[in-house]
């Protein structure tokens, strides 16, 4: 059991987030910046090669979250690329979750605690109380990957998704926000009926510190 916490806020309002627009959605959504299906960063390529060499995903679909580039890459269980997109990530830089963050009210989470933690997570689809499906990445810390359903008039989330600079895509309480169409067409089909692995790359620590991978 848990109190009125960040997890509860996600389930009831999709706030991880602040995802639901305060007013009507804009007439025309911003077009996300284009991303190549092939990761460009050395860290992302190194982790993908390691997964392929070791079978660390155990034939499950997997996701690479490149925090430095604010991009996500989705693969099937055989390592075939399914799609890529810009994403919104935690406001604060950092590779660890604040202690007890999953049990905090949103109003109690300081800006410096709004990190997207790095690591290897076994993820699966789940539902909020409003029957909005999300991909639970780490339930105990209320970390999820889900759609951006609307834009807060003050945060301009859809516009941020289209921004060229990764720094402009740092806005959430820690969750990974993807375009709704990408979630519906790539993430949801990939994880339907199965669990998968989400690899969130570090931005401060080294790859070797986070994953069971030899430093090169």
N, C-alpha and C. Protein backbone atom coordinates (compact mmCIF):
# COMPACT_ATOMS: atom_id res chain seq x y z
N UNK A 1 0.85 -1.20 0.00
CA UNK A 1 0.00 0.00 0.00
C UNK A 1 0.88 1.24 0.00
N UNK A 2 0.35 2.34 -0.60
CA UNK A 2 1.10 3.58 -0.56
C UNK A 2 0.11 4.72 -0.45
N UNK A 3 0.60 5.87 0.01
CA UNK A 3 -0.28 7.00 0.25
C UNK A 3 -0.51 7.79 -1.04
N UNK A 4 -1.05 9.00 -0.91
CA UNK A 4 -1.25 9.86 -2.08
C UNK A 4 0.12 10.26 -2.57
N UNK A 5 0.68 9.47 -3.44
CA UNK A 5 2.08 9.58 -3.82
C UNK A 5 2.21 9.88 -5.29
N UNK A 6 3.45 9.94 -5.73
CA UNK A 6 3.72 10.14 -7.15
C UNK A 6 3.11 9.02 -7.96
N UNK A 7 3.17 7.78 -7.47
CA UNK A 7 2.56 6.67 -8.19
C UNK A 7 1.06 6.90 -8.36
N UNK A 8 0.41 7.34 -7.29
CA UNK A 8 -1.03 7.57 -7.35
C UNK A 8 -1.36 8.68 -8.33
N UNK A 9 -0.50 9.72 -8.34
CA UNK A 9 -0.73 10.82 -9.27
C UNK A 9 -0.62 10.36 -10.70
N UNK A 10 0.33 9.47 -10.97
CA UNK A 10 0.46 8.93 -12.32
C UNK A 10 -0.80 8.18 -12.69
N UNK A 11 -1.27 7.33 -11.81
CA UNK A 11 -2.41 6.48 -12.11
C UNK A 11 -3.69 7.28 -12.32
N UNK A 12 -3.85 8.35 -11.56
CA UNK A 12 -5.11 9.07 -11.62
C UNK A 12 -5.11 10.22 -12.60
N UNK A 13 -3.95 10.85 -12.82
CA UNK A 13 -3.97 12.05 -13.64
C UNK A 13 -2.89 12.10 -14.70
N UNK A 14 -2.05 11.13 -14.80
CA UNK A 14 -0.99 11.15 -15.79
C UNK A 14 -0.02 12.29 -15.57
N UNK A 15 0.25 12.65 -14.34
CA UNK A 15 0.99 13.87 -14.05
C UNK A 15 2.50 13.70 -14.01
N UNK A 16 3.06 12.69 -14.30
CA UNK A 16 4.47 12.39 -14.09
C UNK A 16 5.30 13.31 -14.91
N UNK A 17 5.16 14.58 -14.86
CA UNK A 17 4.47 14.40 -16.01
C UNK A 17 3.75 15.65 -16.36
N UNK A 18 2.72 16.00 -15.66
CA UNK A 18 1.92 17.11 -16.09
C UNK A 18 1.46 16.94 -17.51
N UNK A 19 0.89 15.82 -17.84
CA UNK A 19 0.64 15.53 -19.24
C UNK A 19 -0.69 16.04 -19.75
N UNK A 20 -1.69 16.15 -18.91
CA UNK A 20 -3.00 16.53 -19.42
C UNK A 20 -3.08 18.04 -19.54
N UNK A 21 -3.48 18.50 -20.68
CA UNK A 21 -3.53 19.94 -20.91
C UNK A 21 -4.60 20.58 -20.03
N UNK A 22 -4.33 21.80 -19.59
CA UNK A 22 -5.29 22.51 -18.75
C UNK A 22 -6.48 22.96 -19.58
N UNK A 23 -6.31 23.11 -20.87
CA UNK A 23 -7.39 23.54 -21.74
C UNK A 23 -7.43 22.64 -22.95
N UNK A 24 -8.15 23.04 -23.99
CA UNK A 24 -8.23 22.23 -25.19
C UNK A 24 -6.89 22.09 -25.87
N UNK A 25 -6.71 20.97 -26.57
CA UNK A 25 -5.44 20.73 -27.25
C UNK A 25 -5.30 21.72 -28.39
N UNK A 26 -4.06 22.08 -28.75
CA UNK A 26 -3.87 22.99 -29.86
C UNK A 26 -4.41 22.39 -31.16
N UNK A 27 -4.82 23.26 -32.05
CA UNK A 27 -5.43 22.79 -33.29
C UNK A 27 -4.44 21.95 -34.10
N UNK A 28 -3.15 22.30 -34.04
CA UNK A 28 -2.17 21.55 -34.80
C UNK A 28 -0.99 21.23 -33.90
N UNK A 29 -0.71 19.95 -33.72
CA UNK A 29 0.38 19.54 -32.85
C UNK A 29 1.71 19.83 -33.52
N UNK A 30 2.71 20.12 -32.69
CA UNK A 30 4.05 20.34 -33.22
C UNK A 30 4.58 19.04 -33.81
N UNK A 31 5.36 19.15 -34.86
CA UNK A 31 5.95 17.97 -35.48
C UNK A 31 7.28 17.67 -34.80
N UNK A 32 7.45 16.47 -34.22
CA UNK A 32 8.70 16.15 -33.54
C UNK A 32 9.89 16.24 -34.46
N UNK A 33 11.03 16.61 -33.88
CA UNK A 33 12.28 16.65 -34.64
C UNK A 33 12.59 15.26 -35.18
N UNK A 34 13.15 15.18 -36.36
CA UNK A 34 13.47 13.90 -36.96
C UNK A 34 14.66 13.26 -36.26
N UNK A 35 14.60 11.96 -36.08
CA UNK A 35 15.68 11.20 -35.47
C UNK A 35 15.96 9.99 -36.35
N UNK A 36 17.23 9.71 -36.58
CA UNK A 36 17.59 8.52 -37.34
C UNK A 36 17.28 7.28 -36.52
N UNK A 37 16.85 6.20 -37.18
CA UNK A 37 16.61 4.94 -36.48
C UNK A 37 17.89 4.35 -35.92
N UNK A 38 19.04 4.79 -36.43
CA UNK A 38 20.32 4.30 -35.95
C UNK A 38 20.89 5.28 -34.92
N UNK A 39 21.10 4.84 -33.69
CA UNK A 39 21.67 5.73 -32.67
C UNK A 39 23.01 6.29 -33.12
N UNK A 40 23.21 7.56 -32.85
CA UNK A 40 24.44 8.22 -33.27
C UNK A 40 25.51 8.25 -32.19
N UNK A 41 25.12 8.14 -30.93
CA UNK A 41 26.10 8.26 -29.86
C UNK A 41 26.88 6.97 -29.67
N UNK A 42 28.14 7.12 -29.27
CA UNK A 42 28.98 5.95 -29.01
C UNK A 42 28.43 5.11 -27.88
N UNK A 43 27.89 5.75 -26.85
CA UNK A 43 27.34 5.01 -25.71
C UNK A 43 26.17 4.14 -26.14
N UNK A 44 25.27 4.69 -26.95
CA UNK A 44 24.11 3.93 -27.40
C UNK A 44 24.54 2.74 -28.25
N UNK A 45 25.46 2.98 -29.17
CA UNK A 45 25.92 1.88 -30.03
C UNK A 45 26.63 0.81 -29.21
N UNK A 46 27.38 1.24 -28.18
CA UNK A 46 28.10 0.28 -27.34
C UNK A 46 27.12 -0.62 -26.58
N UNK A 47 26.06 -0.03 -26.05
CA UNK A 47 25.08 -0.82 -25.30
C UNK A 47 24.32 -1.76 -26.23
N UNK A 48 23.96 -1.28 -27.40
CA UNK A 48 23.26 -2.15 -28.37
C UNK A 48 24.15 -3.32 -28.77
N UNK A 49 25.42 -3.06 -29.03
CA UNK A 49 26.34 -4.14 -29.38
C UNK A 49 26.48 -5.14 -28.23
N UNK A 50 26.50 -4.63 -27.01
CA UNK A 50 26.63 -5.50 -25.83
C UNK A 50 25.39 -6.37 -25.66
N UNK A 51 24.22 -5.78 -25.88
CA UNK A 51 22.97 -6.57 -25.80
C UNK A 51 22.99 -7.67 -26.85
N UNK A 52 23.40 -7.32 -28.06
CA UNK A 52 23.43 -8.31 -29.14
C UNK A 52 24.44 -9.42 -28.85
N UNK A 53 25.58 -9.06 -28.28
CA UNK A 53 26.64 -10.05 -28.04
C UNK A 53 26.33 -10.96 -26.87
N UNK A 54 25.64 -10.45 -25.87
CA UNK A 54 25.40 -11.21 -24.64
C UNK A 54 23.99 -11.79 -24.55
N UNK A 55 23.08 -11.29 -25.38
CA UNK A 55 21.68 -11.71 -25.26
C UNK A 55 21.05 -11.23 -23.97
N UNK A 56 21.51 -10.09 -23.48
CA UNK A 56 21.04 -9.59 -22.18
C UNK A 56 19.54 -9.32 -22.16
N UNK A 57 18.94 -9.11 -23.32
CA UNK A 57 17.50 -8.86 -23.37
C UNK A 57 16.68 -10.14 -23.33
N UNK A 58 17.33 -11.31 -23.37
CA UNK A 58 16.64 -12.61 -23.28
C UNK A 58 15.50 -12.73 -24.30
N UNK A 59 15.78 -12.29 -25.51
CA UNK A 59 14.81 -12.38 -26.62
C UNK A 59 13.56 -11.54 -26.39
N UNK A 60 13.62 -10.59 -25.49
CA UNK A 60 12.50 -9.69 -25.26
C UNK A 60 12.74 -8.38 -26.02
N UNK A 61 11.68 -7.66 -26.34
CA UNK A 61 11.88 -6.33 -26.93
C UNK A 61 12.66 -5.46 -25.97
N UNK A 62 13.39 -4.50 -26.52
CA UNK A 62 14.14 -3.62 -25.63
C UNK A 62 14.17 -2.20 -26.16
N UNK A 63 14.42 -1.29 -25.23
CA UNK A 63 14.41 0.14 -25.51
C UNK A 63 15.73 0.74 -25.02
N UNK A 64 16.30 1.59 -25.83
CA UNK A 64 17.48 2.35 -25.43
C UNK A 64 17.04 3.80 -25.24
N UNK A 65 17.24 4.34 -24.06
CA UNK A 65 16.96 5.74 -23.78
C UNK A 65 18.28 6.47 -23.68
N UNK A 66 18.58 7.28 -24.66
CA UNK A 66 19.82 8.06 -24.69
C UNK A 66 19.52 9.42 -24.08
N UNK A 67 19.85 9.58 -22.81
CA UNK A 67 19.50 10.83 -22.13
C UNK A 67 20.25 12.03 -22.67
N UNK A 68 21.51 11.84 -23.04
CA UNK A 68 22.29 12.98 -23.53
C UNK A 68 21.68 13.55 -24.80
N UNK A 69 21.16 12.69 -25.64
CA UNK A 69 20.55 13.13 -26.89
C UNK A 69 19.05 13.34 -26.76
N UNK A 70 18.46 12.92 -25.62
CA UNK A 70 17.01 12.98 -25.41
C UNK A 70 16.29 12.26 -26.53
N UNK A 71 16.70 11.01 -26.78
CA UNK A 71 16.12 10.19 -27.83
C UNK A 71 15.86 8.78 -27.31
N UNK A 72 14.91 8.10 -27.95
CA UNK A 72 14.58 6.72 -27.61
C UNK A 72 14.62 5.87 -28.87
N UNK A 73 15.14 4.64 -28.71
CA UNK A 73 15.21 3.68 -29.81
C UNK A 73 14.58 2.37 -29.34
N UNK A 74 13.67 1.83 -30.12
CA UNK A 74 12.94 0.61 -29.75
C UNK A 74 13.32 -0.52 -30.70
N UNK A 75 13.57 -1.71 -30.13
CA UNK A 75 13.98 -2.89 -30.89
C UNK A 75 13.09 -4.07 -30.52
N UNK A 76 12.94 -5.00 -31.46
CA UNK A 76 12.22 -6.22 -31.12
C UNK A 76 13.17 -7.20 -30.44
N UNK A 77 12.67 -8.37 -30.10
CA UNK A 77 13.47 -9.33 -29.36
C UNK A 77 14.68 -9.85 -30.12
N UNK A 78 14.70 -9.66 -31.45
CA UNK A 78 15.82 -10.11 -32.27
C UNK A 78 16.79 -8.97 -32.59
N UNK A 79 16.55 -7.81 -31.98
CA UNK A 79 17.44 -6.68 -32.19
C UNK A 79 17.14 -5.86 -33.43
N UNK A 80 15.99 -6.09 -34.05
CA UNK A 80 15.62 -5.30 -35.22
C UNK A 80 15.01 -3.97 -34.78
N UNK A 81 15.47 -2.89 -35.39
CA UNK A 81 14.98 -1.56 -35.03
C UNK A 81 13.52 -1.40 -35.43
N UNK A 82 12.70 -0.94 -34.49
CA UNK A 82 11.28 -0.72 -34.74
C UNK A 82 10.95 0.76 -34.90
N UNK A 83 11.77 1.61 -34.32
CA UNK A 83 11.50 3.04 -34.43
C UNK A 83 12.32 3.84 -33.46
N UNK A 84 12.34 5.15 -33.69
CA UNK A 84 13.09 6.07 -32.84
C UNK A 84 12.36 7.40 -32.79
N UNK A 85 12.56 8.14 -31.70
CA UNK A 85 11.86 9.42 -31.55
C UNK A 85 12.57 10.29 -30.53
N UNK A 86 12.42 11.61 -30.65
CA UNK A 86 12.82 12.49 -29.55
C UNK A 86 11.89 12.24 -28.36
N UNK A 87 12.38 12.49 -27.16
CA UNK A 87 11.57 12.29 -25.96
C UNK A 87 11.77 13.44 -24.99
N UNK A 88 10.82 13.55 -24.07
CA UNK A 88 10.97 14.45 -22.93
C UNK A 88 11.44 13.64 -21.74
N UNK A 89 12.37 14.21 -20.97
CA UNK A 89 12.98 13.50 -19.84
C UNK A 89 12.94 14.38 -18.60
N UNK A 90 13.46 13.81 -17.50
CA UNK A 90 13.50 14.53 -16.23
C UNK A 90 14.22 15.85 -16.33
N UNK A 91 13.69 16.83 -15.62
CA UNK A 91 14.24 18.18 -15.63
C UNK A 91 15.70 18.23 -15.20
N UNK A 92 16.05 17.46 -14.17
CA UNK A 92 17.38 17.55 -13.58
C UNK A 92 18.34 16.51 -14.16
N UNK A 93 19.59 16.88 -14.30
CA UNK A 93 20.61 15.92 -14.69
C UNK A 93 20.90 15.02 -13.50
N UNK A 94 21.20 13.75 -13.79
CA UNK A 94 21.50 12.81 -12.72
C UNK A 94 21.13 11.41 -13.14
N UNK A 95 21.79 10.42 -12.53
CA UNK A 95 21.59 9.03 -12.92
C UNK A 95 20.96 8.18 -11.83
N UNK A 96 20.53 8.82 -10.74
CA UNK A 96 19.90 8.08 -9.64
C UNK A 96 18.58 8.73 -9.28
N UNK A 97 17.66 7.91 -8.76
CA UNK A 97 16.40 8.43 -8.23
C UNK A 97 16.61 8.95 -6.82
N UNK A 98 15.91 10.02 -6.48
CA UNK A 98 15.95 10.51 -5.12
C UNK A 98 15.35 9.47 -4.18
N UNK A 99 15.91 9.29 -2.98
CA UNK A 99 15.38 8.29 -2.06
C UNK A 99 13.89 8.52 -1.77
N UNK A 100 13.10 7.44 -1.91
CA UNK A 100 11.69 7.51 -1.58
C UNK A 100 10.84 8.32 -2.53
N UNK A 101 11.35 8.62 -3.73
CA UNK A 101 10.61 9.52 -4.62
C UNK A 101 9.25 8.93 -5.04
N UNK A 102 9.15 7.61 -5.11
CA UNK A 102 7.89 7.00 -5.51
C UNK A 102 6.77 7.22 -4.52
N UNK A 103 7.08 7.63 -3.30
CA UNK A 103 6.07 7.85 -2.28
C UNK A 103 5.84 9.33 -1.98
N UNK A 104 6.44 10.20 -2.80
CA UNK A 104 6.28 11.63 -2.58
C UNK A 104 5.13 12.19 -3.40
N UNK A 105 4.47 13.21 -2.87
CA UNK A 105 3.53 13.99 -3.66
C UNK A 105 4.33 14.80 -4.67
N UNK A 106 3.70 15.09 -5.80
CA UNK A 106 4.39 15.88 -6.82
C UNK A 106 4.86 17.21 -6.27
N UNK A 107 4.05 17.81 -5.43
CA UNK A 107 4.40 19.12 -4.88
C UNK A 107 5.61 19.07 -3.95
N UNK A 108 5.96 17.86 -3.50
CA UNK A 108 7.10 17.71 -2.59
C UNK A 108 8.40 17.37 -3.32
N UNK A 109 8.34 17.19 -4.61
CA UNK A 109 9.54 16.82 -5.37
C UNK A 109 10.25 18.09 -5.84
N UNK A 110 11.45 18.29 -5.34
CA UNK A 110 12.22 19.48 -5.71
C UNK A 110 12.70 19.37 -7.16
N UNK A 111 12.95 20.49 -7.80
CA UNK A 111 13.46 20.46 -9.18
C UNK A 111 14.73 19.62 -9.34
N UNK A 112 15.62 19.66 -8.35
CA UNK A 112 16.87 18.90 -8.47
C UNK A 112 16.66 17.39 -8.28
N UNK A 113 15.46 16.98 -7.84
CA UNK A 113 15.15 15.56 -7.68
C UNK A 113 14.45 14.97 -8.90
N UNK A 114 14.18 15.77 -9.89
CA UNK A 114 13.40 15.33 -11.05
C UNK A 114 14.32 14.71 -12.11
N UNK A 115 14.93 13.60 -11.73
CA UNK A 115 15.87 12.92 -12.62
C UNK A 115 15.22 11.72 -13.30
N UNK A 116 15.76 11.36 -14.45
CA UNK A 116 15.43 10.09 -15.09
C UNK A 116 16.59 9.16 -14.78
N UNK A 117 16.41 8.18 -13.90
CA UNK A 117 17.54 7.36 -13.46
C UNK A 117 18.07 6.46 -14.56
N UNK A 118 19.38 6.24 -14.54
CA UNK A 118 20.01 5.33 -15.48
C UNK A 118 19.93 3.90 -14.95
N UNK A 119 19.96 2.93 -15.85
CA UNK A 119 19.99 1.54 -15.41
C UNK A 119 19.28 0.61 -16.37
N UNK A 120 19.24 -0.65 -15.97
CA UNK A 120 18.55 -1.70 -16.72
C UNK A 120 17.27 -2.05 -15.98
N UNK A 121 16.14 -1.95 -16.66
CA UNK A 121 14.85 -2.16 -16.03
C UNK A 121 14.01 -3.15 -16.85
N UNK A 122 13.36 -4.07 -16.18
CA UNK A 122 12.41 -4.96 -16.85
C UNK A 122 11.05 -4.26 -16.80
N UNK A 123 10.51 -3.98 -17.97
CA UNK A 123 9.31 -3.14 -18.08
C UNK A 123 8.14 -3.92 -18.67
N UNK A 124 6.93 -3.48 -18.33
CA UNK A 124 5.73 -4.10 -18.90
C UNK A 124 4.61 -3.07 -18.93
N UNK A 125 3.65 -3.31 -19.81
CA UNK A 125 2.51 -2.41 -19.92
C UNK A 125 1.62 -2.52 -18.69
N UNK A 126 1.03 -1.41 -18.32
CA UNK A 126 0.10 -1.38 -17.20
C UNK A 126 -0.94 -0.30 -17.46
N UNK A 127 -1.84 -0.12 -16.50
CA UNK A 127 -2.93 0.82 -16.68
C UNK A 127 -3.08 1.72 -15.47
N UNK A 128 -3.48 2.94 -15.73
CA UNK A 128 -3.87 3.84 -14.68
C UNK A 128 -5.34 3.64 -14.34
N UNK A 129 -5.81 4.35 -13.33
CA UNK A 129 -7.20 4.20 -12.93
C UNK A 129 -8.15 4.67 -14.02
N UNK A 130 -7.67 5.55 -14.88
CA UNK A 130 -8.48 6.00 -15.99
C UNK A 130 -8.35 5.12 -17.21
N UNK A 131 -7.73 3.94 -17.02
CA UNK A 131 -7.53 2.96 -18.08
C UNK A 131 -6.63 3.48 -19.20
N UNK A 132 -5.77 4.43 -18.86
CA UNK A 132 -4.77 4.90 -19.82
C UNK A 132 -3.55 4.01 -19.67
N UNK A 133 -3.17 3.33 -20.73
CA UNK A 133 -2.05 2.41 -20.63
C UNK A 133 -0.73 3.15 -20.69
N UNK A 134 0.22 2.64 -19.91
CA UNK A 134 1.57 3.18 -19.86
C UNK A 134 2.54 2.00 -19.79
N UNK A 135 3.78 2.27 -20.06
CA UNK A 135 4.82 1.26 -19.88
C UNK A 135 5.52 1.52 -18.56
N UNK A 136 5.26 0.64 -17.58
CA UNK A 136 5.93 0.78 -16.29
C UNK A 136 7.37 0.33 -16.42
N UNK A 137 8.28 1.25 -16.19
CA UNK A 137 9.72 0.96 -16.26
C UNK A 137 10.22 0.52 -14.90
N UNK A 138 9.85 1.25 -13.86
CA UNK A 138 10.23 0.89 -12.49
C UNK A 138 9.13 1.38 -11.54
N UNK A 139 8.27 0.47 -11.14
CA UNK A 139 7.09 0.84 -10.37
C UNK A 139 7.44 1.48 -9.03
N UNK A 140 8.48 0.97 -8.36
CA UNK A 140 8.77 1.46 -7.00
C UNK A 140 9.21 2.92 -6.99
N UNK A 141 9.76 3.39 -8.11
CA UNK A 141 10.14 4.80 -8.18
C UNK A 141 9.20 5.60 -9.08
N UNK A 142 8.08 4.98 -9.46
CA UNK A 142 7.06 5.63 -10.29
C UNK A 142 7.62 6.10 -11.62
N UNK A 143 8.51 5.32 -12.19
CA UNK A 143 9.14 5.66 -13.46
C UNK A 143 8.40 4.94 -14.59
N UNK A 144 7.92 5.70 -15.55
CA UNK A 144 7.16 5.13 -16.65
C UNK A 144 7.52 5.80 -17.97
N UNK A 145 7.20 5.09 -19.04
CA UNK A 145 7.30 5.65 -20.40
C UNK A 145 5.87 5.71 -20.93
N UNK A 146 5.46 6.87 -21.42
CA UNK A 146 4.08 7.00 -21.87
C UNK A 146 3.93 8.17 -22.82
N UNK A 147 2.71 8.32 -23.31
CA UNK A 147 2.40 9.35 -24.29
C UNK A 147 2.43 10.75 -23.67
N UNK A 148 2.73 11.72 -24.51
CA UNK A 148 2.41 13.11 -24.20
C UNK A 148 1.01 13.34 -24.75
N UNK A 149 0.04 13.51 -23.87
CA UNK A 149 -1.35 13.60 -24.29
C UNK A 149 -1.80 15.01 -24.60
N UNK A 150 -1.07 15.97 -24.13
CA UNK A 150 -1.43 17.35 -24.37
C UNK A 150 -0.30 18.23 -23.92
N UNK A 151 -0.40 19.49 -24.13
CA UNK A 151 0.67 20.40 -23.74
C UNK A 151 0.17 21.40 -22.72
N UNK A 152 0.89 21.49 -21.63
CA UNK A 152 0.60 22.52 -20.65
C UNK A 152 0.92 23.87 -21.30
N UNK A 153 0.01 24.80 -21.21
CA UNK A 153 0.19 26.07 -21.90
C UNK A 153 1.45 26.79 -21.45
N UNK A 154 1.91 26.50 -20.24
CA UNK A 154 3.13 27.14 -19.75
C UNK A 154 4.38 26.35 -20.07
N UNK A 155 4.24 25.04 -20.28
CA UNK A 155 5.41 24.19 -20.51
C UNK A 155 5.65 23.88 -21.99
N UNK A 156 4.61 23.98 -22.81
CA UNK A 156 4.76 23.77 -24.26
C UNK A 156 5.44 22.44 -24.56
N UNK A 157 4.91 21.36 -24.02
CA UNK A 157 5.58 20.06 -24.15
C UNK A 157 5.66 19.56 -25.59
N UNK A 158 4.60 19.72 -26.35
CA UNK A 158 4.64 19.26 -27.73
C UNK A 158 5.67 20.05 -28.53
N UNK A 159 5.75 21.33 -28.25
CA UNK A 159 6.76 22.15 -28.93
C UNK A 159 8.17 21.74 -28.50
N UNK A 160 8.32 21.38 -27.24
CA UNK A 160 9.64 20.94 -26.77
C UNK A 160 10.08 19.65 -27.47
N UNK A 161 9.13 18.77 -27.75
CA UNK A 161 9.47 17.55 -28.47
C UNK A 161 10.07 17.85 -29.83
N UNK A 162 9.65 18.95 -30.43
CA UNK A 162 10.12 19.31 -31.76
C UNK A 162 11.43 20.08 -31.73
N UNK A 163 11.88 20.47 -30.54
CA UNK A 163 13.08 21.29 -30.44
C UNK A 163 14.33 20.52 -30.86
N UNK A 164 15.25 21.21 -31.47
CA UNK A 164 16.49 20.58 -31.93
C UNK A 164 17.44 20.29 -30.77
N UNK A 165 17.42 21.12 -29.75
CA UNK A 165 18.35 20.95 -28.64
C UNK A 165 17.81 19.96 -27.60
N UNK A 166 18.60 18.95 -27.21
CA UNK A 166 18.17 18.02 -26.17
C UNK A 166 17.86 18.71 -24.84
N UNK A 167 18.51 19.83 -24.58
CA UNK A 167 18.27 20.55 -23.33
C UNK A 167 16.84 21.05 -23.24
N UNK A 168 16.24 21.36 -24.38
CA UNK A 168 14.86 21.83 -24.38
C UNK A 168 13.87 20.73 -24.09
N UNK A 169 14.33 19.48 -24.09
CA UNK A 169 13.44 18.34 -23.85
C UNK A 169 13.54 17.83 -22.42
N UNK A 170 14.12 18.63 -21.53
CA UNK A 170 14.22 18.26 -20.11
C UNK A 170 13.16 19.03 -19.35
N UNK A 171 12.06 18.35 -18.99
CA UNK A 171 10.93 19.05 -18.39
C UNK A 171 10.14 18.20 -17.41
N UNK A 172 10.20 16.87 -17.47
CA UNK A 172 9.30 16.03 -16.69
C UNK A 172 9.78 15.85 -15.25
N UNK A 173 8.95 15.16 -14.46
CA UNK A 173 9.33 14.81 -13.09
C UNK A 173 10.27 13.60 -13.08
N UNK A 174 10.57 13.04 -14.24
CA UNK A 174 11.48 11.90 -14.33
C UNK A 174 11.06 10.90 -15.38
N UNK A 175 9.76 10.88 -15.70
CA UNK A 175 9.26 9.91 -16.67
C UNK A 175 9.70 10.25 -18.09
N UNK A 176 9.53 9.26 -18.95
CA UNK A 176 9.94 9.36 -20.35
C UNK A 176 8.68 9.57 -21.17
N UNK A 177 8.55 10.72 -21.80
CA UNK A 177 7.36 11.08 -22.55
C UNK A 177 7.63 10.99 -24.04
N UNK A 178 6.84 10.22 -24.76
CA UNK A 178 7.01 10.05 -26.20
C UNK A 178 5.77 10.56 -26.93
N UNK A 179 5.89 10.89 -28.21
CA UNK A 179 4.69 11.28 -28.97
C UNK A 179 3.64 10.18 -28.93
N UNK A 180 2.38 10.56 -28.86
CA UNK A 180 1.30 9.58 -28.76
C UNK A 180 1.31 8.60 -29.91
N UNK A 181 1.55 9.09 -31.11
CA UNK A 181 1.55 8.20 -32.27
C UNK A 181 2.68 7.17 -32.17
N UNK A 182 3.84 7.59 -31.67
CA UNK A 182 4.95 6.66 -31.52
C UNK A 182 4.62 5.59 -30.49
N UNK A 183 4.00 6.01 -29.39
CA UNK A 183 3.60 5.03 -28.37
C UNK A 183 2.63 4.02 -28.96
N UNK A 184 1.63 4.51 -29.68
CA UNK A 184 0.59 3.64 -30.21
C UNK A 184 1.11 2.69 -31.30
N UNK A 185 2.02 3.17 -32.11
CA UNK A 185 2.46 2.39 -33.27
C UNK A 185 3.73 1.58 -33.04
N UNK A 186 4.52 1.97 -32.04
CA UNK A 186 5.80 1.29 -31.82
C UNK A 186 5.86 0.64 -30.43
N UNK A 187 5.72 1.44 -29.39
CA UNK A 187 5.91 0.93 -28.03
C UNK A 187 4.84 -0.09 -27.65
N UNK A 188 3.59 0.29 -27.79
CA UNK A 188 2.50 -0.61 -27.36
C UNK A 188 2.53 -1.95 -28.09
N UNK A 189 2.65 -1.97 -29.43
CA UNK A 189 2.71 -3.28 -30.10
C UNK A 189 3.93 -4.11 -29.68
N UNK A 190 5.05 -3.46 -29.45
CA UNK A 190 6.27 -4.19 -29.09
C UNK A 190 6.14 -4.88 -27.74
N UNK A 191 5.41 -4.26 -26.80
CA UNK A 191 5.33 -4.78 -25.44
C UNK A 191 4.01 -5.49 -25.14
N UNK A 192 3.11 -5.56 -26.10
CA UNK A 192 1.86 -6.25 -25.86
C UNK A 192 2.08 -7.75 -25.69
N UNK A 193 1.61 -8.29 -24.59
CA UNK A 193 1.74 -9.72 -24.32
C UNK A 193 3.10 -10.16 -23.84
N UNK A 194 3.99 -9.22 -23.54
CA UNK A 194 5.33 -9.59 -23.10
C UNK A 194 5.94 -8.48 -22.27
N UNK A 195 6.92 -8.83 -21.48
CA UNK A 195 7.74 -7.82 -20.83
C UNK A 195 8.91 -7.49 -21.76
N UNK A 196 9.69 -6.51 -21.39
CA UNK A 196 10.85 -6.12 -22.17
C UNK A 196 11.86 -5.44 -21.28
N UNK A 197 12.93 -5.02 -21.86
CA UNK A 197 14.02 -4.39 -21.10
C UNK A 197 14.20 -2.95 -21.56
N UNK A 198 14.29 -2.05 -20.62
CA UNK A 198 14.57 -0.65 -20.92
C UNK A 198 15.95 -0.32 -20.36
N UNK A 199 16.83 0.09 -21.26
CA UNK A 199 18.19 0.50 -20.88
C UNK A 199 18.25 2.02 -20.93
N UNK A 200 18.36 2.65 -19.78
CA UNK A 200 18.46 4.11 -19.72
C UNK A 200 19.94 4.45 -19.53
N UNK A 201 20.51 5.11 -20.53
CA UNK A 201 21.93 5.40 -20.51
C UNK A 201 22.24 6.54 -19.54
N UNK A 202 23.40 6.47 -18.89
CA UNK A 202 23.77 7.52 -17.94
C UNK A 202 24.20 8.80 -18.64
N UNK A 203 24.14 9.89 -17.92
CA UNK A 203 24.65 11.15 -18.44
C UNK A 203 25.79 11.70 -17.59
N UNK A 204 25.99 11.13 -16.41
CA UNK A 204 27.09 11.54 -15.53
C UNK A 204 28.03 10.36 -15.29
N UNK A 205 27.48 9.22 -14.94
CA UNK A 205 28.28 8.02 -14.75
C UNK A 205 28.74 7.47 -16.11
N UNK A 206 29.64 6.51 -16.05
CA UNK A 206 30.08 5.84 -17.28
C UNK A 206 29.16 4.66 -17.58
N UNK A 207 29.20 4.21 -18.83
CA UNK A 207 28.44 3.03 -19.23
C UNK A 207 28.84 1.83 -18.38
N UNK A 208 30.14 1.67 -18.12
CA UNK A 208 30.63 0.52 -17.36
C UNK A 208 30.13 0.54 -15.92
N UNK A 209 29.88 1.72 -15.36
CA UNK A 209 29.37 1.83 -13.99
C UNK A 209 27.92 1.39 -13.88
N UNK A 210 27.18 1.54 -14.96
CA UNK A 210 25.74 1.29 -14.92
C UNK A 210 25.36 -0.10 -15.38
N UNK A 211 26.06 -0.59 -16.42
CA UNK A 211 25.74 -1.90 -16.99
C UNK A 211 26.91 -2.87 -16.81
N UNK A 212 26.61 -4.15 -16.94
CA UNK A 212 27.64 -5.18 -16.80
C UNK A 212 28.42 -5.30 -18.11
N UNK A 213 29.08 -4.22 -18.42
CA UNK A 213 29.77 -4.10 -19.70
C UNK A 213 31.19 -3.62 -19.46
N UNK A 214 32.13 -4.20 -20.15
CA UNK A 214 33.53 -3.85 -19.96
C UNK A 214 33.82 -2.49 -20.57
N UNK A 215 34.59 -1.70 -19.87
CA UNK A 215 34.99 -0.40 -20.40
C UNK A 215 35.93 -0.61 -21.59
N UNK A 216 35.76 0.16 -22.64
CA UNK A 216 36.61 0.01 -23.81
C UNK A 216 37.54 1.19 -23.96
